[in-house]
Amino acid sequence: MSPVRRPDVESSDFAKRLNLRIRHAVGLTQEPVPMCEDPELTYMPVDAVARLVHGDLSTMIIGGLGSLFLQMLHPYAMAGVAQHSRYQNDALGRLLQTANFIGHTTYGSKSLAYLDIERVRSVHEAVRGVADDGVAYYANDPHLLAWVHACETSMFLGAYQRYARVPLSDAEADTYVREMSQLARDLGSENPPTTLAELWAQIEAFRPELRLSADGEEARSFVADGFVKGAIQKAAHRLFVQSSYGLMPEWARVQLGVTLAPRWRATAVTTASHVMCGFVRRFVPPTRRVSDGV
């Protein structure tokens, strides 16, 4: 696989303004981290599949929503968020933190990535408490870290496979899971999956632990109802929420208490999401393989 790079934004003032508006609407108020292209210094390989997957903003929005919804089904992960997070007061701020972490560990140097990984682990160290069933939780618990990692990896990849211009091959999908497994280990997870089949087997293994707690229900409503401003942004958010539901297994949607639209409407949602993703890519170009050209 060839190295990847970020193409330049179109040179017109209109394109640049729209690029900023789209990025700011999802909390990306800072410039993207410079891409480290030195194989000796970079955290992810210069030809990493993750650099393609994480470089498509439109599919990352859909996958990010799917990841949040799926994570809500673990009561202990959700308890940590509800009791130690200000997500409802500063949703876009939390999105920016997450985006920065993904950017630093995907495109940054090893030194930058490890600084961010250590910061996250340090923050998680204080995230302890008791869930609604009286069971203690700890955010740095390798088991809970495995669940969060599985949700993020599966949904980011699932959204890319469904809505990117060119889906990955089966081998590339496995490569993406393997690349992300190193990040999971560095964060404290144990024996993370290294293939797509292993990833979904791990998610299935979590099913006996999953349920929608009161904290999860509140978070689901908050994320589904939308926290963006403006009629156009709200319409796009609702569209991407519906698209994210389609990435999850049926049993997860049942537990989450959401349903897919009727078949004819679901087709319209998928089509509209492809159009919206194409619009976002027009003004926020994704990363590409060098061999793909501009």
C-alpha atoms as a PDB file:
ATOM      1  CA  MET A   1       0.000   0.000   0.000  1.00  0.00           C
ATOM      2  CA  SER A   2       1.290   3.462  -0.915  1.00  0.00           C
ATOM      3  CA  PRO A   3       1.861   6.227   1.644  1.00  0.00           C
ATOM      4  CA  VAL A   4      -1.099   8.539   2.242  1.00  0.00           C
ATOM      5  CA  ARG A   5      -1.360  12.313   2.347  1.00  0.00           C
ATOM      6  CA  ARG A   6      -3.888  15.053   2.890  1.00  0.00           C
ATOM      7  CA  PRO A   7      -4.847  16.823  -0.357  1.00  0.00           C
ATOM      8  CA  ASP A   8      -5.047  20.601  -0.304  1.00  0.00           C
ATOM      9  CA  VAL A   9      -8.383  22.321   0.183  1.00  0.00           C
ATOM     10  CA  GLU A  10      -9.681  24.080  -2.920  1.00  0.00           C
ATOM     11  CA  SER A  11      -8.086  27.489  -3.307  1.00  0.00           C
ATOM     12  CA  SER A  12     -11.246  29.634  -3.593  1.00  0.00           C
ATOM     13  CA  ASP A  13     -12.253  31.737  -0.607  1.00  0.00           C
ATOM     14  CA  PHE A  14     -15.712  30.153  -0.696  1.00  0.00           C
ATOM     15  CA  ALA A  15     -14.266  26.640  -0.455  1.00  0.00           C
ATOM     16  CA  LYS A  16     -12.001  27.633   2.414  1.00  0.00           C
ATOM     17  CA  ARG A  17     -14.858  29.279   4.311  1.00  0.00           C
ATOM     18  CA  LEU A  18     -17.066  26.240   3.832  1.00  0.00           C
ATOM     19  CA  ASN A  19     -14.243  23.961   4.946  1.00  0.00           C
ATOM     20  CA  LEU A  20     -13.999  25.918   8.186  1.00  0.00           C
ATOM     21  CA  ARG A  21     -17.759  25.987   8.704  1.00  0.00           C
ATOM     22  CA  ILE A  22     -18.066  22.222   8.275  1.00  0.00           C
ATOM     23  CA  ARG A  23     -15.159  21.529  10.588  1.00  0.00           C
ATOM     24  CA  HIS A  24     -16.330  23.981  13.240  1.00  0.00           C
ATOM     25  CA  ALA A  25     -19.866  22.540  13.132  1.00  0.00           C
ATOM     26  CA  VAL A  26     -18.493  19.248  14.461  1.00  0.00           C
ATOM     27  CA  GLY A  27     -16.157  20.838  16.984  1.00  0.00           C
ATOM     28  CA  LEU A  28     -12.962  20.870  14.896  1.00  0.00           C
ATOM     29  CA  THR A  29     -11.845  24.391  15.715  1.00  0.00           C
ATOM     30  CA  GLN A  30      -8.126  23.664  15.452  1.00  0.00           C
ATOM     31  CA  GLU A  31      -5.950  22.919  12.456  1.00  0.00           C
ATOM     32  CA  PRO A  32      -5.315  19.204  11.751  1.00  0.00           C
ATOM     33  CA  VAL A  33      -2.147  17.809  13.269  1.00  0.00           C
ATOM     34  CA  PRO A  34       0.742  17.853  10.742  1.00  0.00           C
ATOM     35  CA  MET A  35       1.221  14.442   9.184  1.00  0.00           C
ATOM     36  CA  CYS A  36       4.452  12.766  10.285  1.00  0.00           C
ATOM     37  CA  GLU A  37       5.963  11.150   7.194  1.00  0.00           C
ATOM     38  CA  ASP A  38       9.166   9.777   8.714  1.00  0.00           C
ATOM     39  CA  PRO A  39       8.823   5.977   9.071  1.00  0.00           C
ATOM     40  CA  GLU A  40      11.241   6.058  12.013  1.00  0.00           C
ATOM     41  CA  LEU A  41       9.294   8.696  13.945  1.00  0.00           C
ATOM     42  CA  THR A  42       5.638   8.129  13.120  1.00  0.00           C
ATOM     43  CA  TYR A  43       3.315   6.290  15.520  1.00  0.00           C
ATOM     44  CA  MET A  44       1.196   4.766  12.753  1.00  0.00           C
ATOM     45  CA  PRO A  45       2.927   3.511   9.603  1.00  0.00           C
ATOM     46  CA  VAL A  46       3.135   6.084   6.818  1.00  0.00           C
ATOM     47  CA  ASP A  47       1.015   3.765   4.680  1.00  0.00           C
ATOM     48  CA  ALA A  48      -1.410   2.894   7.490  1.00  0.00           C
ATOM     49  CA  VAL A  49      -4.956   1.991   6.523  1.00  0.00           C
ATOM     50  CA  ALA A  50      -5.984   3.926   9.627  1.00  0.00           C
ATOM     51  CA  ARG A  51      -4.762   7.087   7.914  1.00  0.00           C
ATOM     52  CA  LEU A  52      -7.317   6.511   5.185  1.00  0.00           C
ATOM     53  CA  VAL A  53     -10.180   5.557   7.501  1.00  0.00           C
ATOM     54  CA  HIS A  54      -9.609   8.383   9.964  1.00  0.00           C
ATOM     55  CA  GLY A  55      -8.981  10.896   7.203  1.00  0.00           C
ATOM     56  CA  ASP A  56     -12.541  10.829   5.859  1.00  0.00           C
ATOM     57  CA  LEU A  57     -14.445  13.297   8.064  1.00  0.00           C
ATOM     58  CA  SER A  58     -17.872  12.341   6.737  1.00  0.00           C
ATOM     59  CA  THR A  59     -17.567   8.646   7.576  1.00  0.00           C
ATOM     60  CA  MET A  60     -15.841   9.430  10.874  1.00  0.00           C
ATOM     61  CA  ILE A  61     -18.886  11.457  11.939  1.00  0.00           C
ATOM     62  CA  ILE A  62     -21.210   8.534  11.196  1.00  0.00           C
ATOM     63  CA  GLY A  63     -18.848   6.005  12.740  1.00  0.00           C
ATOM     64  CA  GLY A  64     -18.285   8.221  15.756  1.00  0.00           C
ATOM     65  CA  LEU A  65     -22.016   8.415  16.404  1.00  0.00           C
ATOM     66  CA  GLY A  66     -22.328   4.653  16.023  1.00  0.00           C
ATOM     67  CA  SER A  67     -19.465   4.176  18.465  1.00  0.00           C
ATOM     68  CA  LEU A  68     -21.099   6.437  21.047  1.00  0.00           C
ATOM     69  CA  PHE A  69     -24.423   4.638  20.787  1.00  0.00           C
ATOM     70  CA  LEU A  70     -22.804   1.217  21.050  1.00  0.00           C
ATOM     71  CA  GLN A  71     -20.684   2.255  24.045  1.00  0.00           C
ATOM     72  CA  MET A  72     -23.843   3.366  25.867  1.00  0.00           C
ATOM     73  CA  LEU A  73     -24.897  -0.256  26.191  1.00  0.00           C
ATOM     74  CA  HIS A  74     -22.210  -1.042  28.762  1.00  0.00           C
ATOM     75  CA  PRO A  75     -23.529   0.224  32.110  1.00  0.00           C
ATOM     76  CA  TYR A  76     -20.094   0.592  33.702  1.00  0.00           C
ATOM     77  CA  ALA A  77     -18.583   2.489  30.786  1.00  0.00           C
ATOM     78  CA  MET A  78     -21.677   4.700  30.756  1.00  0.00           C
ATOM     79  CA  ALA A  79     -21.539   5.271  34.518  1.00  0.00           C
ATOM     80  CA  GLY A  80     -18.024   6.624  34.178  1.00  0.00           C
ATOM     81  CA  VAL A  81     -19.119   9.057  31.492  1.00  0.00           C
ATOM     82  CA  ALA A  82     -22.211  10.190  33.400  1.00  0.00           C
ATOM     83  CA  GLN A  83     -20.469  10.674  36.735  1.00  0.00           C
ATOM     84  CA  HIS A  84     -17.176  12.163  35.563  1.00  0.00           C
ATOM     85  CA  SER A  85     -17.964  13.976  32.326  1.00  0.00           C
ATOM     86  CA  ARG A  86     -19.485  17.312  31.345  1.00  0.00           C
ATOM     87  CA  TYR A  87     -20.543  16.018  27.938  1.00  0.00           C
ATOM     88  CA  GLN A  88     -23.953  17.736  27.998  1.00  0.00           C
ATOM     89  CA  ASN A  89     -22.442  21.114  28.888  1.00  0.00           C
ATOM     90  CA  ASP A  90     -19.611  21.011  26.353  1.00  0.00           C
ATOM     91  CA  ALA A  91     -20.363  18.354  23.742  1.00  0.00           C
ATOM     92  CA  LEU A  92     -18.312  20.023  21.003  1.00  0.00           C
ATOM     93  CA  GLY A  93     -15.391  20.455  23.386  1.00  0.00           C
ATOM     94  CA  ARG A  94     -15.370  16.728  24.074  1.00  0.00           C
ATOM     95  CA  LEU A  95     -15.549  16.039  20.346  1.00  0.00           C
ATOM     96  CA  LEU A  96     -12.505  18.242  19.831  1.00  0.00           C
ATOM     97  CA  GLN A  97     -10.587  16.333  22.513  1.00  0.00           C
ATOM     98  CA  THR A  98     -11.477  13.046  20.860  1.00  0.00           C
ATOM     99  CA  ALA A  99     -10.581  14.363  17.407  1.00  0.00           C
ATOM    100  CA  ASN A 100      -7.224  15.599  18.675  1.00  0.00           C
ATOM    101  CA  PHE A 101      -6.477  12.216  20.210  1.00  0.00           C
ATOM    102  CA  ILE A 102      -7.360  10.410  16.985  1.00  0.00           C
ATOM    103  CA  GLY A 103      -5.308  12.896  14.967  1.00  0.00           C
ATOM    104  CA  HIS A 104      -2.247  12.655  17.189  1.00  0.00           C
ATOM    105  CA  THR A 105      -2.241   8.856  17.273  1.00  0.00           C
ATOM    106  CA  THR A 106      -3.028   8.442  13.574  1.00  0.00           C
ATOM    107  CA  TYR A 107      -0.902  11.103  11.913  1.00  0.00           C
ATOM    108  CA  GLY A 108       1.504  12.276  14.601  1.00  0.00           C
ATOM    109  CA  SER A 109       4.930  11.210  15.757  1.00  0.00           C
ATOM    110  CA  LYS A 110       5.506   8.574  18.412  1.00  0.00           C
ATOM    111  CA  SER A 111       6.409  11.265  20.944  1.00  0.00           C
ATOM    112  CA  LEU A 112       3.183  13.202  20.288  1.00  0.00           C
ATOM    113  CA  ALA A 113       1.052  10.055  20.336  1.00  0.00           C
ATOM    114  CA  TYR A 114       2.528   8.723  23.568  1.00  0.00           C
ATOM    115  CA  LEU A 115       2.047  12.090  25.268  1.00  0.00           C
ATOM    116  CA  ASP A 116      -1.654  11.965  24.386  1.00  0.00           C
ATOM    117  CA  ILE A 117      -1.977   8.314  25.380  1.00  0.00           C
ATOM    118  CA  GLU A 118      -0.432   9.071  28.767  1.00  0.00           C
ATOM    119  CA  ARG A 119      -2.745  12.058  29.193  1.00  0.00           C
ATOM    120  CA  VAL A 120      -5.806   9.886  28.548  1.00  0.00           C
ATOM    121  CA  ARG A 121      -4.613   7.209  30.945  1.00  0.00           C
ATOM    122  CA  SER A 122      -3.954   9.880  33.576  1.00  0.00           C
ATOM    123  CA  VAL A 123      -7.474  11.296  33.191  1.00  0.00           C
ATOM    124  CA  HIS A 124      -8.975   7.804  33.348  1.00  0.00           C
ATOM    125  CA  GLU A 125      -7.103   7.103  36.577  1.00  0.00           C
ATOM    126  CA  ALA A 126      -9.543   9.332  38.457  1.00  0.00           C
ATOM    127  CA  VAL A 127     -12.634   7.922  36.748  1.00  0.00           C
ATOM    128  CA  ARG A 128     -13.804   5.496  39.402  1.00  0.00           C
ATOM    129  CA  GLY A 129     -17.110   4.969  41.114  1.00  0.00           C
ATOM    130  CA  VAL A 130     -20.096   2.727  41.621  1.00  0.00           C
ATOM    131  CA  ALA A 131     -22.642   1.974  38.917  1.00  0.00           C
ATOM    132  CA  ASP A 132     -26.411   1.780  39.392  1.00  0.00           C
ATOM    133  CA  ASP A 133     -26.223  -1.906  40.347  1.00  0.00           C
ATOM    134  CA  GLY A 134     -23.706  -1.294  43.122  1.00  0.00           C
ATOM    135  CA  VAL A 135     -20.727  -2.641  41.184  1.00  0.00           C
ATOM    136  CA  ALA A 136     -17.518  -0.605  41.204  1.00  0.00           C
ATOM    137  CA  TYR A 137     -16.048   0.535  37.904  1.00  0.00           C
ATOM    138  CA  TYR A 138     -12.663   1.938  36.864  1.00  0.00           C
ATOM    139  CA  ALA A 139     -12.035   3.580  33.500  1.00  0.00           C
ATOM    140  CA  ASN A 140      -8.538   2.088  33.184  1.00  0.00           C
ATOM    141  CA  ASP A 141      -9.910  -1.422  33.677  1.00  0.00           C
ATOM    142  CA  PRO A 142      -8.491  -3.373  30.695  1.00  0.00           C
ATOM    143  CA  HIS A 143     -11.880  -5.037  30.211  1.00  0.00           C
ATOM    144  CA  LEU A 144     -13.760  -1.735  29.869  1.00  0.00           C
ATOM    145  CA  LEU A 145     -10.985  -0.374  27.650  1.00  0.00           C
ATOM    146  CA  ALA A 146     -11.466  -3.390  25.393  1.00  0.00           C
ATOM    147  CA  TRP A 147     -15.169  -2.588  25.042  1.00  0.00           C
ATOM    148  CA  VAL A 148     -14.580   1.066  24.144  1.00  0.00           C
ATOM    149  CA  HIS A 149     -11.867   0.097  21.676  1.00  0.00           C
ATOM    150  CA  ALA A 150     -14.082  -2.527  20.035  1.00  0.00           C
ATOM    151  CA  CYS A 151     -16.925  -0.018  19.642  1.00  0.00           C
ATOM    152  CA  GLU A 152     -14.724   2.627  18.081  1.00  0.00           C
ATOM    153  CA  THR A 153     -12.830   0.317  15.760  1.00  0.00           C
ATOM    154  CA  SER A 154     -15.908  -1.528  14.504  1.00  0.00           C
ATOM    155  CA  MET A 155     -17.987   1.602  13.907  1.00  0.00           C
ATOM    156  CA  PHE A 156     -15.234   3.683  12.286  1.00  0.00           C
ATOM    157  CA  LEU A 157     -14.476   0.795   9.957  1.00  0.00           C
ATOM    158  CA  GLY A 158     -18.144   0.006   9.350  1.00  0.00           C
ATOM    159  CA  ALA A 159     -18.935   3.584   8.374  1.00  0.00           C
ATOM    160  CA  TYR A 160     -15.956   3.734   6.030  1.00  0.00           C
ATOM    161  CA  GLN A 161     -16.903   0.484   4.357  1.00  0.00           C
ATOM    162  CA  ARG A 162     -20.470   1.668   3.786  1.00  0.00           C
ATOM    163  CA  TYR A 163     -20.025   5.329   2.899  1.00  0.00           C
ATOM    164  CA  ALA A 164     -16.481   5.890   1.622  1.00  0.00           C
ATOM    165  CA  ARG A 165     -15.909   6.378  -2.080  1.00  0.00           C
ATOM    166  CA  VAL A 166     -13.914   3.133  -2.300  1.00  0.00           C
ATOM    167  CA  PRO A 167     -14.353   0.490   0.432  1.00  0.00           C
ATOM    168  CA  LEU A 168     -11.361  -1.377   1.780  1.00  0.00           C
ATOM    169  CA  SER A 169     -10.549  -4.909   0.731  1.00  0.00           C
ATOM    170  CA  ASP A 170     -10.958  -7.684   3.293  1.00  0.00           C
ATOM    171  CA  ALA A 171      -7.183  -7.715   3.784  1.00  0.00           C
ATOM    172  CA  GLU A 172      -7.100  -3.944   4.316  1.00  0.00           C
ATOM    173  CA  ALA A 173      -9.941  -4.192   6.837  1.00  0.00           C
ATOM    174  CA  ASP A 174      -7.938  -6.750   8.812  1.00  0.00           C
ATOM    175  CA  THR A 175      -4.889  -4.499   8.562  1.00  0.00           C
ATOM    176  CA  TYR A 176      -6.884  -1.619  10.038  1.00  0.00           C
ATOM    177  CA  VAL A 177      -7.969  -3.749  13.007  1.00  0.00           C
ATOM    178  CA  ARG A 178      -4.360  -4.874  13.519  1.00  0.00           C
ATOM    179  CA  GLU A 179      -3.060  -1.300  13.384  1.00  0.00           C
ATOM    180  CA  MET A 180      -5.630  -0.186  15.944  1.00  0.00           C
ATOM    181  CA  SER A 181      -4.730  -3.082  18.237  1.00  0.00           C
ATOM    182  CA  GLN A 182      -1.404  -1.411  19.030  1.00  0.00           C
ATOM    183  CA  LEU A 183      -3.215   1.701  20.222  1.00  0.00           C
ATOM    184  CA  ALA A 184      -5.496  -0.465  22.365  1.00  0.00           C
ATOM    185  CA  ARG A 185      -2.482  -2.143  23.981  1.00  0.00           C
ATOM    186  CA  ASP A 186      -0.798   1.195  24.650  1.00  0.00           C
ATOM    187  CA  LEU A 187      -3.967   2.444  26.333  1.00  0.00           C
ATOM    188  CA  GLY A 188      -4.024  -0.617  28.597  1.00  0.00           C
ATOM    189  CA  SER A 189      -6.253  -3.136  26.853  1.00  0.00           C
ATOM    190  CA  GLU A 190      -5.171  -6.770  26.911  1.00  0.00           C
ATOM    191  CA  ASN A 191      -5.094  -9.088  23.880  1.00  0.00           C
ATOM    192  CA  PRO A 192      -7.007  -6.770  21.511  1.00  0.00           C
ATOM    193  CA  PRO A 193      -8.352  -8.318  18.309  1.00  0.00           C
ATOM    194  CA  THR A 194      -6.136  -8.190  15.236  1.00  0.00           C
ATOM    195  CA  THR A 195      -8.650  -9.248  12.563  1.00  0.00           C
ATOM    196  CA  LEU A 196     -12.176  -8.148  11.740  1.00  0.00           C
ATOM    197  CA  ALA A 197     -13.543 -11.584  12.649  1.00  0.00           C
ATOM    198  CA  GLU A 198     -11.852 -11.420  16.055  1.00  0.00           C
ATOM    199  CA  LEU A 199     -13.215  -7.918  16.567  1.00  0.00           C
ATOM    200  CA  TRP A 200     -16.828  -8.949  16.059  1.00  0.00           C
ATOM    201  CA  ALA A 201     -16.317 -12.096  18.125  1.00  0.00           C
ATOM    202  CA  GLN A 202     -15.150  -9.876  20.975  1.00  0.00           C
ATOM    203  CA  ILE A 203     -18.217  -7.640  20.642  1.00  0.00           C
ATOM    204  CA  GLU A 204     -20.477 -10.695  20.727  1.00  0.00           C
ATOM    205  CA  ALA A 205     -18.686 -11.928  23.858  1.00  0.00           C
ATOM    206  CA  PHE A 206     -19.656  -8.707  25.660  1.00  0.00           C
ATOM    207  CA  ARG A 207     -23.385  -9.206  25.076  1.00  0.00           C
ATOM    208  CA  PRO A 208     -24.205 -10.761  28.492  1.00  0.00           C
ATOM    209  CA  GLU A 209     -22.851  -7.602  30.174  1.00  0.00           C
ATOM    210  CA  LEU A 210     -24.804  -5.113  28.100  1.00  0.00           C
ATOM    211  CA  ARG A 211     -27.981  -3.253  28.991  1.00  0.00           C
ATOM    212  CA  LEU A 212     -29.340   0.257  28.611  1.00  0.00           C
ATOM    213  CA  SER A 213     -29.015   1.916  32.017  1.00  0.00           C
ATOM    214  CA  ALA A 214     -30.737   5.154  32.980  1.00  0.00           C
ATOM    215  CA  ASP A 215     -27.460   6.975  32.260  1.00  0.00           C
ATOM    216  CA  GLY A 216     -27.294   5.306  28.872  1.00  0.00           C
ATOM    217  CA  GLU A 217     -30.879   6.240  28.068  1.00  0.00           C
ATOM    218  CA  GLU A 218     -30.215   9.876  28.916  1.00  0.00           C
ATOM    219  CA  ALA A 219     -27.058   9.917  26.791  1.00  0.00           C
ATOM    220  CA  ARG A 220     -28.861   8.229  23.887  1.00  0.00           C
ATOM    221  CA  SER A 221     -31.554  10.906  23.885  1.00  0.00           C
ATOM    222  CA  PHE A 222     -29.003  13.700  24.141  1.00  0.00           C
ATOM    223  CA  VAL A 223     -26.902  12.457  21.226  1.00  0.00           C
ATOM    224  CA  ALA A 224     -29.877  11.449  19.064  1.00  0.00           C
ATOM    225  CA  ASP A 225     -31.714  14.740  19.544  1.00  0.00           C
ATOM    226  CA  GLY A 226     -28.635  16.644  18.526  1.00  0.00           C
ATOM    227  CA  PHE A 227     -26.451  19.257  20.122  1.00  0.00           C
ATOM    228  CA  VAL A 228     -25.546  21.238  17.005  1.00  0.00           C
ATOM    229  CA  LYS A 229     -27.001  24.620  16.101  1.00  0.00           C
ATOM    230  CA  GLY A 230     -28.650  25.693  12.884  1.00  0.00           C
ATOM    231  CA  ALA A 231     -31.362  24.084  10.763  1.00  0.00           C
ATOM    232  CA  ILE A 232     -28.993  22.645   8.167  1.00  0.00           C
ATOM    233  CA  GLN A 233     -26.635  21.218  10.776  1.00  0.00           C
ATOM    234  CA  LYS A 234     -29.528  19.665  12.696  1.00  0.00           C
ATOM    235  CA  ALA A 235     -30.906  18.056   9.535  1.00  0.00           C
ATOM    236  CA  ALA A 236     -27.476  16.626   8.683  1.00  0.00           C
ATOM    237  CA  HIS A 237     -27.093  15.375  12.261  1.00  0.00           C
ATOM    238  CA  ARG A 238     -30.443  13.553  12.159  1.00  0.00           C
ATOM    239  CA  LEU A 239     -29.456  11.980   8.856  1.00  0.00           C
ATOM    240  CA  PHE A 240     -26.109  10.780  10.176  1.00  0.00           C
ATOM    241  CA  VAL A 241     -27.728   9.466  13.373  1.00  0.00           C
ATOM    242  CA  GLN A 242     -30.064   7.303  11.320  1.00  0.00           C
ATOM    243  CA  SER A 243     -27.117   6.121   9.233  1.00  0.00           C
ATOM    244  CA  SER A 244     -25.170   5.228  12.381  1.00  0.00           C
ATOM    245  CA  TYR A 245     -28.029   3.039  13.611  1.00  0.00           C
ATOM    246  CA  GLY A 246     -27.628   0.978  10.457  1.00  0.00           C
ATOM    247  CA  LEU A 247     -24.032   0.128  11.354  1.00  0.00           C
ATOM    248  CA  MET A 248     -24.987  -1.655  14.572  1.00  0.00           C
ATOM    249  CA  PRO A 249     -26.189  -5.252  14.854  1.00  0.00           C
ATOM    250  CA  GLU A 250     -29.933  -5.721  15.248  1.00  0.00           C
ATOM    251  CA  TRP A 251     -29.557  -6.919  18.855  1.00  0.00           C
ATOM    252  CA  ALA A 252     -27.729  -3.685  19.738  1.00  0.00           C
ATOM    253  CA  ARG A 253     -30.478  -1.537  18.233  1.00  0.00           C
ATOM    254  CA  VAL A 254     -33.077  -3.504  20.207  1.00  0.00           C
ATOM    255  CA  GLN A 255     -31.208  -2.984  23.476  1.00  0.00           C
ATOM    256  CA  LEU A 256     -30.625   0.661  22.664  1.00  0.00           C
ATOM    257  CA  GLY A 257     -34.316   1.132  21.945  1.00  0.00           C
ATOM    258  CA  VAL A 258     -33.940   2.477  18.413  1.00  0.00           C
ATOM    259  CA  THR A 259     -35.293   1.130  15.166  1.00  0.00           C
ATOM    260  CA  LEU A 260     -34.397   1.466  11.534  1.00  0.00           C
ATOM    261  CA  ALA A 261     -36.773   3.266   9.220  1.00  0.00           C
ATOM    262  CA  PRO A 262     -38.998   1.174   6.897  1.00  0.00           C
ATOM    263  CA  ARG A 263     -37.090  -0.346   4.006  1.00  0.00           C
ATOM    264  CA  TRP A 264     -38.078   2.314   1.478  1.00  0.00           C
ATOM    265  CA  ARG A 265     -37.155   5.110   3.877  1.00  0.00           C
ATOM    266  CA  ALA A 266     -33.934   3.391   4.944  1.00  0.00           C
ATOM    267  CA  THR A 267     -32.883   3.310   1.293  1.00  0.00           C
ATOM    268  CA  ALA A 268     -33.580   7.033   1.071  1.00  0.00           C
ATOM    269  CA  VAL A 269     -31.542   7.657   4.232  1.00  0.00           C
ATOM    270  CA  THR A 270     -28.600   5.682   2.844  1.00  0.00           C
ATOM    271  CA  THR A 271     -28.751   7.518  -0.464  1.00  0.00           C
ATOM    272  CA  ALA A 272     -29.013  10.900   1.236  1.00  0.00           C
ATOM    273  CA  SER A 273     -26.064  10.033   3.489  1.00  0.00           C
ATOM    274  CA  HIS A 274     -23.930   9.152   0.455  1.00  0.00           C
ATOM    275  CA  VAL A 275     -24.836  12.538  -1.033  1.00  0.00           C
ATOM    276  CA  MET A 276     -24.048  14.343   2.228  1.00  0.00           C
ATOM    277  CA  CYS A 277     -20.739  12.496   2.568  1.00  0.00           C
ATOM    278  CA  GLY A 278     -19.848  13.511  -0.970  1.00  0.00           C
ATOM    279  CA  PHE A 279     -20.652  17.135  -0.140  1.00  0.00           C
ATOM    280  CA  VAL A 280     -18.447  17.069   2.959  1.00  0.00           C
ATOM    281  CA  ARG A 281     -15.589  15.478   0.988  1.00  0.00           C
ATOM    282  CA  ARG A 282     -15.885  18.196  -1.666  1.00  0.00           C
ATOM    283  CA  PHE A 283     -14.819  20.813   0.863  1.00  0.00           C
ATOM    284  CA  VAL A 284     -13.000  18.724   3.496  1.00  0.00           C
ATOM    285  CA  PRO A 285     -10.968  16.353   1.297  1.00  0.00           C
ATOM    286  CA  PRO A 286     -10.042  13.003   2.851  1.00  0.00           C
ATOM    287  CA  THR A 287      -6.555  11.571   2.994  1.00  0.00           C
ATOM    288  CA  ARG A 288      -5.564   9.502  -0.022  1.00  0.00           C
ATOM    289  CA  ARG A 289      -2.923   7.070  -1.143  1.00  0.00           C
ATOM    290  CA  VAL A 290      -0.156   8.902  -2.948  1.00  0.00           C
ATOM    291  CA  SER A 291      -0.653   6.620  -5.941  1.00  0.00           C
ATOM    292  CA  ASP A 292      -4.305   7.761  -6.219  1.00  0.00           C
ATOM    293  CA  GLY A 293      -3.259  11.232  -7.298  1.00  0.00           C
ATOM    294  CA  VAL A 294      -5.330  14.309  -6.555  1.00  0.00           C
END
